[in-house]
Amino acid sequence: MINKYRIFLKVVERGSLTKAGKELELTQSAVSHAIANLEKEFGFSLFTRSRAGIELSQNGERVLRYIEAIIQINESMIQEIADMNSLDLGSIKIGSSQAISERWLPGIITKFSEQYPTIHLQVIEASNKELEALTLEGKLDFSFIYLPTSSQLETLNLISDRSYIISNVSQADLFKPAPNQLIIPNCYSPQEMNQFTKITGLERSRVFEVDNLYSIIGLVKNNLCQAILPELFVKQLDDHLLKTELPNSERAIAIATRSVKNLSLASEKFIAITSLWLNEHHAQGMGIDDEIHS
């Protein structure tokens, strides 16, 4: 039954039997069969189908939260069993911004997987606000977020990060005015966005609403806008862009979770390895292993 529930949730997430099947490495027929069996057991249709695709029926909407809860409880049980068996099983759901996924997670995950190869890791990228909500709801074990947080999450500080305004240096060389359009991605809060527009005196773009950092760089390189980006991402950019640090833009990157005390053993180990990796690769990396176990 649990496998059928997982298939159901993946179809809801992807909005397609085919896409869900590809991600789960199942045929479309197998996915369709699983959904049909659930509908037969429940006695009603879970999805409505049209030429545009599929979407949840009203009854499907009503059972969705129960199925999500069952999956969460099942995964918590599996994790608890894994903790009792020295991390031989289990999984961790991690929330992250694009910049952290690009700059940190490949190295951290490599280091973690060398020691705990049987632990399944799932990384979800989202905005700071979305990561807070998903973590608070228990859909993520913990998240890498920028502080401050408005939620009731407990946090463990990692390092400080600054922000830069990025322009196309070729424009400066030609003595042309830089574009007045400014893009600020969703890794910043509305308050920070307002602060940056006041500092720069630029107008936030209403033409380009882009959050993918590489897409933003493409717009900057084509002289269509300027952008505010975190130092973590800026460090990897080429030298053909003008990077100017913004005053009073320092903010902490932290790990956020519903309860540090109730972290699974697998999550504790991942966070400890994160601390070690940061100390090795960042001069300002902070040791947090003692905080986790205190």
Protein backbone atom coordinates (compact mmCIF):
# COMPACT_ATOMS: atom_id res chain seq x y z
CA MET A 1 0.00 0.00 0.00
CA ILE A 2 2.83 2.41 0.87
CA ASN A 3 4.28 2.05 -2.63
CA LYS A 4 0.90 2.97 -4.14
CA TYR A 5 0.79 6.04 -1.93
CA ARG A 6 4.28 7.04 -3.06
CA ILE A 7 3.22 6.66 -6.70
CA PHE A 8 0.09 8.72 -6.03
CA LEU A 9 2.11 11.56 -4.45
CA LYS A 10 4.62 11.54 -7.31
CA VAL A 11 1.79 11.82 -9.87
CA VAL A 12 0.37 14.76 -7.88
CA GLU A 13 3.83 16.37 -7.77
CA ARG A 14 4.56 15.93 -11.48
CA GLY A 15 1.02 16.25 -12.85
CA SER A 16 1.69 13.42 -15.25
CA LEU A 17 1.68 9.62 -15.16
CA THR A 18 4.57 9.51 -17.63
CA LYS A 19 6.78 11.97 -15.73
CA ALA A 20 6.03 10.24 -12.44
CA GLY A 21 6.91 6.87 -13.99
CA LYS A 22 10.23 8.13 -15.35
CA GLU A 23 11.25 9.54 -11.98
CA LEU A 24 10.22 6.38 -10.16
CA GLU A 25 11.73 4.19 -12.90
CA LEU A 26 8.36 2.59 -13.59
CA THR A 27 6.44 2.18 -16.83
CA GLN A 28 3.42 4.39 -17.43
CA SER A 29 1.34 1.22 -17.37
CA ALA A 30 2.60 0.35 -13.87
CA VAL A 31 1.83 3.84 -12.60
CA SER A 32 -1.61 3.80 -14.18
CA HIS A 33 -2.30 0.35 -12.69
CA ALA A 34 -1.31 1.53 -9.19
CA ILE A 35 -3.59 4.58 -9.41
CA ALA A 36 -6.45 2.46 -10.75
CA ASN A 37 -6.05 0.04 -7.83
CA LEU A 38 -6.16 2.90 -5.34
CA GLU A 39 -9.28 4.32 -6.97
CA LYS A 40 -10.89 0.89 -6.81
CA GLU A 41 -10.02 0.49 -3.13
CA PHE A 42 -11.23 3.98 -2.25
CA GLY A 43 -14.35 3.77 -4.37
CA PHE A 44 -13.87 7.05 -6.21
CA SER A 45 -11.66 8.74 -8.80
CA LEU A 46 -8.52 10.46 -7.55
CA PHE A 47 -7.82 12.43 -10.71
CA THR A 48 -9.74 14.13 -13.47
CA ARG A 49 -8.32 13.67 -16.93
CA SER A 50 -8.42 15.99 -19.92
CA ARG A 51 -6.40 16.82 -23.01
CA ALA A 52 -4.36 19.25 -20.91
CA GLY A 53 -3.30 16.49 -18.52
CA ILE A 54 -4.49 15.33 -15.11
CA GLU A 55 -5.31 17.07 -11.86
CA LEU A 56 -6.65 16.02 -8.48
CA SER A 57 -10.37 15.45 -8.18
CA GLN A 58 -12.24 16.93 -5.22
CA ASN A 59 -12.07 13.57 -3.44
CA GLY A 60 -8.39 13.32 -4.35
CA GLU A 61 -7.78 16.69 -2.70
CA ARG A 62 -9.50 15.47 0.46
CA VAL A 63 -7.38 12.33 0.85
CA LEU A 64 -4.09 13.98 -0.19
CA ARG A 65 -3.20 15.29 3.27
CA TYR A 66 -3.88 11.89 4.85
CA ILE A 67 -1.66 10.11 2.37
CA GLU A 68 1.09 12.70 2.94
CA ALA A 69 0.79 12.13 6.69
CA ILE A 70 0.99 8.34 6.28
CA ILE A 71 4.14 8.65 4.15
CA GLN A 72 5.74 11.01 6.68
CA ILE A 73 4.94 8.68 9.58
CA ASN A 74 6.28 5.70 7.64
CA GLU A 75 9.52 7.52 6.81
CA SER A 76 9.90 8.62 10.45
CA MET A 77 9.51 4.99 11.53
CA ILE A 78 12.09 3.82 8.97
CA GLN A 79 14.49 6.53 10.15
CA GLU A 80 13.97 5.56 13.79
CA ILE A 81 14.70 1.94 12.93
CA ALA A 82 17.78 3.08 10.99
CA ASP A 83 19.00 5.01 14.03
CA MET A 84 18.66 1.85 16.10
CA ASN A 85 20.66 -0.08 13.51
CA SER A 86 23.65 2.24 13.19
CA LEU A 87 22.56 4.12 10.09
CA ASP A 88 22.22 1.08 7.83
CA LEU A 89 18.94 2.44 6.43
CA GLY A 90 17.06 5.71 6.28
CA SER A 91 16.83 8.95 4.40
CA ILE A 92 17.29 12.68 4.89
CA LYS A 93 15.26 15.43 3.20
CA ILE A 94 17.31 18.60 2.92
CA GLY A 95 16.16 22.06 1.86
CA SER A 96 18.56 24.38 0.09
CA SER A 97 18.89 27.51 -2.02
CA GLN A 98 20.39 27.27 -5.51
CA ALA A 99 23.64 28.95 -4.42
CA ILE A 100 24.20 26.48 -1.58
CA SER A 101 23.27 23.55 -3.83
CA GLU A 102 25.85 24.72 -6.34
CA ARG A 103 28.70 25.65 -4.00
CA TRP A 104 28.41 23.43 -0.93
CA LEU A 105 26.28 20.35 -1.38
CA PRO A 106 28.35 18.44 -3.98
CA GLY A 107 31.35 18.40 -1.64
CA ILE A 108 29.35 17.78 1.52
CA ILE A 109 27.27 14.98 -0.03
CA THR A 110 30.40 13.31 -1.42
CA LYS A 111 32.01 13.36 2.02
CA PHE A 112 28.82 12.08 3.70
CA SER A 113 28.21 9.31 1.16
CA GLU A 114 31.73 7.99 1.60
CA GLN A 115 30.94 7.30 5.26
CA TYR A 116 27.22 6.48 5.01
CA PRO A 117 26.60 5.09 1.51
CA THR A 118 23.24 3.49 2.36
CA ILE A 119 21.55 6.71 3.55
CA HIS A 120 19.30 8.15 0.84
CA LEU A 121 19.55 11.93 0.44
CA GLN A 122 16.91 14.11 -1.18
CA VAL A 123 17.58 17.81 -1.81
CA ILE A 124 14.74 20.27 -2.39
CA GLU A 125 15.56 23.73 -3.80
CA ALA A 126 13.20 26.58 -2.96
CA SER A 127 13.08 30.18 -1.77
CA ASN A 128 14.01 31.03 1.82
CA LYS A 129 10.34 31.51 2.75
CA GLU A 130 9.30 28.22 1.13
CA LEU A 131 12.11 26.33 2.86
CA GLU A 132 11.01 27.71 6.23
CA ALA A 133 7.42 26.58 5.61
CA LEU A 134 8.39 23.09 4.40
CA THR A 135 10.71 22.58 7.36
CA LEU A 136 8.11 23.81 9.83
CA GLU A 137 5.56 21.41 8.32
CA GLY A 138 7.98 18.50 8.75
CA LYS A 139 8.33 17.90 5.02
CA LEU A 140 12.07 18.59 5.31
CA ASP A 141 14.33 17.31 8.07
CA PHE A 142 16.30 20.55 7.98
CA SER A 143 17.15 23.38 5.60
CA PHE A 144 20.02 25.67 4.79
CA ILE A 145 18.49 29.13 5.09
CA TYR A 146 19.49 32.76 5.40
CA LEU A 147 18.77 34.50 8.70
CA PRO A 148 16.79 36.10 10.15
CA THR A 149 13.86 33.71 10.06
CA SER A 150 10.33 34.74 10.95
CA SER A 151 9.25 31.21 11.86
CA GLN A 152 9.57 29.19 15.06
CA LEU A 153 12.44 27.08 13.71
CA GLU A 154 15.57 26.36 15.72
CA THR A 155 18.77 27.36 13.94
CA LEU A 156 22.48 26.55 13.95
CA ASN A 157 24.65 29.31 12.48
CA LEU A 158 27.22 28.30 9.85
CA ILE A 159 28.96 31.26 8.16
CA SER A 160 28.25 34.85 7.19
CA ASP A 161 27.53 35.83 3.60
CA ARG A 162 27.44 39.24 1.94
CA SER A 163 25.64 40.55 -1.13
CA TYR A 164 26.98 42.12 -4.30
CA ILE A 165 25.48 44.18 -7.11
CA ILE A 166 26.51 42.70 -10.45
CA SER A 167 26.81 44.73 -13.64
CA ASN A 168 28.25 44.19 -17.09
CA VAL A 169 31.77 45.60 -16.93
CA SER A 170 31.81 46.24 -20.69
CA GLN A 171 29.20 48.96 -20.20
CA ALA A 172 31.36 50.70 -17.62
CA ASP A 173 34.30 50.57 -20.03
CA LEU A 174 32.23 52.24 -22.73
CA PHE A 175 31.08 54.97 -20.32
CA LYS A 176 27.47 54.08 -20.91
CA PRO A 177 24.93 54.27 -18.09
CA ALA A 178 24.18 50.92 -16.50
CA PRO A 179 20.60 49.61 -16.88
CA ASN A 180 18.20 50.95 -14.28
CA GLN A 181 16.43 47.58 -14.07
CA LEU A 182 17.38 45.58 -10.97
CA ILE A 183 16.72 41.87 -10.36
CA ILE A 184 16.73 40.49 -6.82
CA PRO A 185 16.20 36.70 -6.57
CA ASN A 186 13.91 35.02 -4.04
CA CYS A 187 16.76 34.00 -1.73
CA TYR A 188 16.18 37.48 -0.28
CA SER A 189 13.27 38.51 1.91
CA PRO A 190 10.88 41.33 0.90
CA GLN A 191 12.48 43.50 3.60
CA GLU A 192 15.94 42.91 2.14
CA MET A 193 14.66 43.64 -1.36
CA ASN A 194 13.27 46.99 -0.19
CA GLN A 195 16.55 47.76 1.57
CA PHE A 196 18.59 47.04 -1.57
CA THR A 197 16.43 49.18 -3.82
CA LYS A 198 16.91 52.09 -1.40
CA ILE A 199 20.68 51.54 -1.22
CA THR A 200 21.14 51.26 -4.98
CA GLY A 201 18.54 53.80 -6.05
CA LEU A 202 17.52 51.38 -8.80
CA GLU A 203 14.06 50.18 -9.74
CA ARG A 204 13.18 46.50 -9.33
CA SER A 205 12.48 44.97 -12.71
CA ARG A 206 8.88 44.31 -13.62
CA VAL A 207 9.90 42.94 -17.00
CA PHE A 208 12.10 40.13 -15.71
CA GLU A 209 10.89 38.05 -12.78
CA VAL A 210 13.66 35.47 -12.68
CA ASP A 211 14.99 33.43 -9.76
CA ASN A 212 17.41 31.05 -11.48
CA LEU A 213 20.81 32.59 -10.76
CA TYR A 214 22.37 31.53 -14.08
CA SER A 215 19.45 33.03 -16.00
CA ILE A 216 19.96 36.27 -14.08
CA ILE A 217 23.65 36.31 -15.04
CA GLY A 218 22.65 35.87 -18.68
CA LEU A 219 20.44 38.96 -18.47
CA VAL A 220 23.25 40.96 -16.83
CA LYS A 221 25.78 39.92 -19.47
CA ASN A 222 23.40 41.15 -22.16
CA ASN A 223 23.14 44.57 -20.47
CA LEU A 224 19.43 44.13 -19.74
CA CYS A 225 19.66 44.64 -15.99
CA GLN A 226 21.79 44.72 -12.89
CA ALA A 227 21.38 42.12 -10.15
CA ILE A 228 21.83 41.57 -6.42
CA LEU A 229 23.41 38.19 -5.73
CA PRO A 230 24.84 36.42 -2.66
CA GLU A 231 28.62 36.28 -2.27
CA LEU A 232 28.42 32.49 -2.15
CA PHE A 233 27.34 32.47 -5.81
CA VAL A 234 29.32 35.52 -6.91
CA LYS A 235 32.63 33.84 -6.02
CA GLN A 236 32.36 31.52 -9.02
CA LEU A 237 31.55 34.19 -11.61
CA ASP A 238 33.99 35.18 -14.33
CA ASP A 239 35.92 38.47 -14.26
CA HIS A 240 33.96 40.06 -17.09
CA LEU A 241 31.33 41.22 -14.65
CA LEU A 242 31.60 44.19 -12.31
CA LYS A 243 30.99 43.08 -8.70
CA THR A 244 30.44 45.68 -6.01
CA GLU A 245 29.83 44.71 -2.40
CA LEU A 246 26.71 46.27 -0.90
CA PRO A 247 27.13 48.01 2.47
CA ASN A 248 25.43 46.48 5.52
CA SER A 249 24.46 43.37 3.53
CA GLU A 250 26.01 40.70 5.75
CA ARG A 251 23.67 37.91 6.83
CA ALA A 252 24.14 34.50 8.37
CA ILE A 253 23.61 31.18 6.64
CA ALA A 254 22.19 28.66 9.09
CA ILE A 255 20.73 25.20 9.37
CA ALA A 256 17.08 25.37 10.44
CA THR A 257 15.00 22.55 11.87
CA ARG A 258 11.87 22.11 13.95
CA SER A 259 13.89 20.76 16.87
CA VAL A 260 17.65 20.34 17.18
CA LYS A 261 17.06 17.94 20.06
CA ASN A 262 14.85 15.68 17.93
CA LEU A 263 17.09 15.49 14.85
CA SER A 264 17.59 11.95 13.59
CA LEU A 265 21.04 10.43 13.99
CA ALA A 266 21.50 10.55 10.21
CA SER A 267 20.70 14.29 10.17
CA GLU A 268 23.11 14.90 13.05
CA LYS A 269 25.88 13.12 11.14
CA PHE A 270 25.15 15.11 7.98
CA ILE A 271 25.27 18.41 9.88
CA ALA A 272 28.50 17.40 11.62
CA ILE A 273 30.08 16.60 8.24
CA THR A 274 28.79 19.94 6.94
CA SER A 275 30.68 21.65 9.76
CA LEU A 276 33.88 19.75 8.96
CA TRP A 277 33.59 20.51 5.25
CA LEU A 278 33.06 24.22 5.89
CA ASN A 279 36.05 24.37 8.22
CA GLU A 280 38.14 22.79 5.46
CA HIS A 281 36.88 24.97 2.59
CA HIS A 282 35.83 28.28 4.18
CA ALA A 283 38.04 30.41 6.39
CA GLN A 284 35.01 31.57 8.35
CA GLY A 285 33.48 28.10 8.74
CA MET A 286 32.12 27.57 12.25
CA GLY A 287 32.17 24.32 14.24
CA ILE A 288 28.64 23.37 15.24
CA ASP A 289 29.10 19.73 16.22
CA ASP A 290 29.23 20.63 19.92
CA GLU A 291 25.98 22.61 19.58
CA ILE A 292 24.23 19.62 18.06
CA HIS A 293 25.18 17.28 20.86
CA SER A 294 24.92 19.74 23.76
